Every structure is written in structure tokens, then in C-alpha cells.
């Protein structure tokens, strides 16, 4: 199944010059754990709630003086929308990431896929398989 069928399309984005305070406020208001940083429609970074904790709070940095570009991931990993489930899990595993922006052939943002999304899909598939087994199991 292509990632574009699994990815969320309602990606929360911000520009590199967005303040850290605004990022945190948006995360709270939108109930998300990350914001994709874009230059136009092209993803250039991602800021997670963990980034804010580790790079702002833990360092006792002044959030009023910091912008998204100061805390965003420098080496953003993306995945093409026609990639498959296993490609996404391999990418997440290889780079130790939980959220991957999804792009089209022109590297334009089309969605985001998370480890939670993939786990939920696996759980749903496992439930379907369990239903098949239960239906074919003899009564005891």
C-alpha cells in the first residue's frame, strides 16, 4: 500500500523564521507533536515537541530569541508518496525518527506519516487476521 494512502494530509507547517513560542503554541492548539518547516511548499526541516524540550528548555535558552531554524532538524528525511509501508518503517528505523514528511516527485509536501500511524495500521491488520482465525477455529 502506498504511503500516500496512509499519510495524514493535514500537515501543520511553519516558516523557518517562526518563533519557538509560536511553534509551541501551535502544537498545543492543533494537538500535534511536530510541525514541518517549509520554504514555500518544500519541506526543509521539522520541529518536534522533543526538540523544544531538549534544545530550549534543557539548555535554558530564551525562547523569545529563537526561531524554528534554530531548533529544526538539519537533515530532514522525507519519503515519496508512492513509497511503501516497509520503506517508511525502514527509514524510521535507520534514522531513529518517528515522523516523516511525505513528498511528491517535485519534493512538494503532500502529507506526513508517523510511527503511530504505522502502528495503528498494523494493529488493525492484526485484528482482521485474528477475526479470520476466530471464524475458522473449531469450538472448544
C-alpha atoms as a PDB file:
ATOM      1  CA  UNK A   1       0.000   0.000   0.000  1.00  0.00           C
ATOM      2  CA  UNK A   2       1.475   3.385  -0.951  1.00  0.00           C
ATOM      3  CA  UNK A   3       2.286   5.790   1.860  1.00  0.00           C
ATOM      4  CA  UNK A   4       0.018   8.418   0.295  1.00  0.00           C
ATOM      5  CA  UNK A   5      -2.948   6.206   1.263  1.00  0.00           C
ATOM      6  CA  UNK A   6      -1.795   6.125   4.892  1.00  0.00           C
ATOM      7  CA  UNK A   7      -0.349   9.607   5.350  1.00  0.00           C
ATOM      8  CA  UNK A   8      -2.179  12.454   7.002  1.00  0.00           C
ATOM      9  CA  UNK A   9      -2.763  15.288   4.591  1.00  0.00           C
ATOM     10  CA  UNK A  10      -3.497  17.945   7.212  1.00  0.00           C
ATOM     11  CA  UNK A  11       0.148  18.739   7.953  1.00  0.00           C
ATOM     12  CA  UNK A  12       0.854  21.681  10.243  1.00  0.00           C
ATOM     13  CA  UNK A  13       3.606  23.824   8.731  1.00  0.00           C
ATOM     14  CA  UNK A  14       5.562  26.945   9.576  1.00  0.00           C
ATOM     15  CA  UNK A  15       8.334  29.008   8.050  1.00  0.00           C
ATOM     16  CA  UNK A  16      11.953  28.841   9.255  1.00  0.00           C
ATOM     17  CA  UNK A  17      11.626  32.257  10.904  1.00  0.00           C
ATOM     18  CA  UNK A  18       8.570  31.301  13.001  1.00  0.00           C
ATOM     19  CA  UNK A  19       9.277  31.889  16.693  1.00  0.00           C
ATOM     20  CA  UNK A  20       9.749  28.949  19.019  1.00  0.00           C
ATOM     21  CA  UNK A  21       6.949  30.354  21.164  1.00  0.00           C
ATOM     22  CA  UNK A  22       4.576  30.307  18.171  1.00  0.00           C
ATOM     23  CA  UNK A  23       5.618  26.746  17.333  1.00  0.00           C
ATOM     24  CA  UNK A  24       4.826  25.566  20.858  1.00  0.00           C
ATOM     25  CA  UNK A  25       1.532  27.441  20.873  1.00  0.00           C
ATOM     26  CA  UNK A  26       0.543  25.920  17.532  1.00  0.00           C
ATOM     27  CA  UNK A  27       1.463  22.420  18.737  1.00  0.00           C
ATOM     28  CA  UNK A  28      -0.791  22.890  21.751  1.00  0.00           C
ATOM     29  CA  UNK A  29      -3.680  24.390  19.767  1.00  0.00           C
ATOM     30  CA  UNK A  30      -3.508  21.792  16.988  1.00  0.00           C
ATOM     31  CA  UNK A  31      -2.747  18.909  19.387  1.00  0.00           C
ATOM     32  CA  UNK A  32       0.281  17.756  17.386  1.00  0.00           C
ATOM     33  CA  UNK A  33       3.802  16.769  18.348  1.00  0.00           C
ATOM     34  CA  UNK A  34       5.567  18.216  15.331  1.00  0.00           C
ATOM     35  CA  UNK A  35       5.499  20.994  12.789  1.00  0.00           C
ATOM     36  CA  UNK A  36       7.042  20.656   9.334  1.00  0.00           C
ATOM     37  CA  UNK A  37       9.152  23.680   8.440  1.00  0.00           C
ATOM     38  CA  UNK A  38       8.718  24.680   4.811  1.00  0.00           C
ATOM     39  CA  UNK A  39      10.180  27.017   2.251  1.00  0.00           C
ATOM     40  CA  UNK A  40       7.103  27.574   0.104  1.00  0.00           C
ATOM     41  CA  UNK A  41       5.726  24.054  -0.335  1.00  0.00           C
ATOM     42  CA  UNK A  42       9.099  22.343   0.095  1.00  0.00           C
ATOM     43  CA  UNK A  43       9.839  20.803   3.493  1.00  0.00           C
ATOM     44  CA  UNK A  44      13.211  21.928   4.837  1.00  0.00           C
ATOM     45  CA  UNK A  45      13.014  20.781   8.453  1.00  0.00           C
ATOM     46  CA  UNK A  46      10.831  19.519  11.245  1.00  0.00           C
ATOM     47  CA  UNK A  47      10.445  20.676  14.835  1.00  0.00           C
ATOM     48  CA  UNK A  48       9.133  18.206  17.386  1.00  0.00           C
ATOM     49  CA  UNK A  49       7.982  18.666  20.945  1.00  0.00           C
ATOM     50  CA  UNK A  50      11.164  16.818  21.936  1.00  0.00           C
ATOM     51  CA  UNK A  51      13.290  19.344  20.024  1.00  0.00           C
ATOM     52  CA  UNK A  52      11.695  22.136  22.026  1.00  0.00           C
ATOM     53  CA  UNK A  53      12.332  20.301  25.285  1.00  0.00           C
ATOM     54  CA  UNK A  54      15.938  19.359  24.546  1.00  0.00           C
ATOM     55  CA  UNK A  55      17.098  22.486  22.727  1.00  0.00           C
ATOM     56  CA  UNK A  56      15.152  25.187  24.526  1.00  0.00           C
ATOM     57  CA  UNK A  57      14.104  24.030  27.999  1.00  0.00           C
ATOM     58  CA  UNK A  58      17.043  21.757  28.793  1.00  0.00           C
ATOM     59  CA  UNK A  59      19.517  24.364  27.563  1.00  0.00           C
ATOM     60  CA  UNK A  60      17.653  27.144  29.411  1.00  0.00           C
ATOM     61  CA  UNK A  61      17.634  29.087  26.149  1.00  0.00           C
ATOM     62  CA  UNK A  62      15.497  32.175  25.731  1.00  0.00           C
ATOM     63  CA  UNK A  63      12.556  31.039  23.563  1.00  0.00           C
ATOM     64  CA  UNK A  64      11.865  34.656  22.703  1.00  0.00           C
ATOM     65  CA  UNK A  65      15.187  34.790  20.894  1.00  0.00           C
ATOM     66  CA  UNK A  66      14.842  31.532  18.959  1.00  0.00           C
ATOM     67  CA  UNK A  67      13.179  30.622  15.687  1.00  0.00           C
ATOM     68  CA  UNK A  68      12.276  27.351  14.010  1.00  0.00           C
ATOM     69  CA  UNK A  69      15.538  27.346  12.045  1.00  0.00           C
ATOM     70  CA  UNK A  70      17.431  27.305  15.369  1.00  0.00           C
ATOM     71  CA  UNK A  71      15.855  24.057  16.577  1.00  0.00           C
ATOM     72  CA  UNK A  72      14.661  22.219  13.458  1.00  0.00           C
ATOM     73  CA  UNK A  73      16.217  19.003  12.214  1.00  0.00           C
ATOM     74  CA  UNK A  74      19.118  19.850   9.969  1.00  0.00           C
ATOM     75  CA  UNK A  75      18.996  16.689   7.858  1.00  0.00           C
ATOM     76  CA  UNK A  76      15.313  16.242   7.112  1.00  0.00           C
ATOM     77  CA  UNK A  77      14.331  12.773   5.937  1.00  0.00           C
ATOM     78  CA  UNK A  78      11.338  12.615   3.611  1.00  0.00           C
ATOM     79  CA  UNK A  79       9.618   9.838   1.744  1.00  0.00           C
ATOM     80  CA  UNK A  80       7.997   9.855  -1.683  1.00  0.00           C
ATOM     81  CA  UNK A  81       4.238   9.416  -1.616  1.00  0.00           C
ATOM     82  CA  UNK A  82       4.396   6.288  -3.798  1.00  0.00           C
ATOM     83  CA  UNK A  83       6.808   4.542  -1.396  1.00  0.00           C
ATOM     84  CA  UNK A  84       5.528   1.558   0.543  1.00  0.00           C
ATOM     85  CA  UNK A  85       4.885   0.728   4.179  1.00  0.00           C
ATOM     86  CA  UNK A  86       8.163  -1.164   4.579  1.00  0.00           C
ATOM     87  CA  UNK A  87      10.198   1.667   3.071  1.00  0.00           C
ATOM     88  CA  UNK A  88       8.710   4.005   5.667  1.00  0.00           C
ATOM     89  CA  UNK A  89       9.445   1.669   8.577  1.00  0.00           C
ATOM     90  CA  UNK A  90      12.974   1.056   7.309  1.00  0.00           C
ATOM     91  CA  UNK A  91      13.603   4.815   7.021  1.00  0.00           C
ATOM     92  CA  UNK A  92      12.289   5.430  10.543  1.00  0.00           C
ATOM     93  CA  UNK A  93      14.359   2.590  11.950  1.00  0.00           C
ATOM     94  CA  UNK A  94      17.566   3.538  10.141  1.00  0.00           C
ATOM     95  CA  UNK A  95      17.477   7.162  11.278  1.00  0.00           C
ATOM     96  CA  UNK A  96      15.700   6.793  14.616  1.00  0.00           C
ATOM     97  CA  UNK A  97      12.823   9.062  13.645  1.00  0.00           C
ATOM     98  CA  UNK A  98       9.091   8.821  14.305  1.00  0.00           C
ATOM     99  CA  UNK A  99       7.702  11.348  11.819  1.00  0.00           C
ATOM    100  CA  UNK A 100       8.409  11.576   8.103  1.00  0.00           C
ATOM    101  CA  UNK A 101       7.092  14.246   5.743  1.00  0.00           C
ATOM    102  CA  UNK A 102       5.676  12.801   2.527  1.00  0.00           C
ATOM    103  CA  UNK A 103       6.541  14.492  -0.763  1.00  0.00           C
ATOM    104  CA  UNK A 104       5.641  14.233  -4.426  1.00  0.00           C
ATOM    105  CA  UNK A 105       8.063  13.893  -7.348  1.00  0.00           C
ATOM    106  CA  UNK A 106       8.785  17.639  -7.183  1.00  0.00           C
ATOM    107  CA  UNK A 107       9.657  17.442  -3.456  1.00  0.00           C
ATOM    108  CA  UNK A 108       6.474  19.323  -2.548  1.00  0.00           C
ATOM    109  CA  UNK A 109       4.885  18.422   0.791  1.00  0.00           C
ATOM    110  CA  UNK A 110       1.790  16.237   0.435  1.00  0.00           C
ATOM    111  CA  UNK A 111       1.435  14.735   3.916  1.00  0.00           C
ATOM    112  CA  UNK A 112       3.128  13.229   6.932  1.00  0.00           C
ATOM    113  CA  UNK A 113       3.386   9.665   8.200  1.00  0.00           C
ATOM    114  CA  UNK A 114       4.202   8.802  11.800  1.00  0.00           C
ATOM    115  CA  UNK A 115       5.277   5.687  13.649  1.00  0.00           C
ATOM    116  CA  UNK A 116       1.942   5.870  15.476  1.00  0.00           C
ATOM    117  CA  UNK A 117       0.085   5.804  12.134  1.00  0.00           C
ATOM    118  CA  UNK A 118       2.020   2.716  11.058  1.00  0.00           C
ATOM    119  CA  UNK A 119       1.480   1.013  14.432  1.00  0.00           C
ATOM    120  CA  UNK A 120      -2.243   1.675  14.205  1.00  0.00           C
ATOM    121  CA  UNK A 121      -2.350   0.171  10.720  1.00  0.00           C
ATOM    122  CA  UNK A 122      -0.532  -2.948  11.947  1.00  0.00           C
ATOM    123  CA  UNK A 123      -2.919  -3.267  14.887  1.00  0.00           C
ATOM    124  CA  UNK A 124      -5.914  -3.017  12.544  1.00  0.00           C
ATOM    125  CA  UNK A 125      -4.428  -5.633  10.223  1.00  0.00           C
ATOM    126  CA  UNK A 126      -3.655  -7.921  13.174  1.00  0.00           C
ATOM    127  CA  UNK A 127      -7.266  -7.600  14.346  1.00  0.00           C
ATOM    128  CA  UNK A 128      -8.504  -8.556  10.874  1.00  0.00           C
ATOM    129  CA  UNK A 129      -6.273 -11.620  10.921  1.00  0.00           C
ATOM    130  CA  UNK A 130      -7.488 -12.543  14.412  1.00  0.00           C
ATOM    131  CA  UNK A 131     -11.089 -12.325  13.163  1.00  0.00           C
ATOM    132  CA  UNK A 132     -10.263 -14.769  10.342  1.00  0.00           C
ATOM    133  CA  UNK A 133      -8.664 -17.202  12.790  1.00  0.00           C
ATOM    134  CA  UNK A 134     -11.625 -16.954  15.199  1.00  0.00           C
ATOM    135  CA  UNK A 135     -14.100 -17.581  12.375  1.00  0.00           C
ATOM    136  CA  UNK A 136     -12.280 -20.735  11.286  1.00  0.00           C
ATOM    137  CA  UNK A 137     -11.425 -22.112  14.720  1.00  0.00           C
ATOM    138  CA  UNK A 138     -13.456 -25.091  15.880  1.00  0.00           C
ATOM    139  CA  UNK A 139     -15.494 -24.556  19.028  1.00  0.00           C
ATOM    140  CA  UNK A 140     -13.974 -25.916  22.230  1.00  0.00           C
END
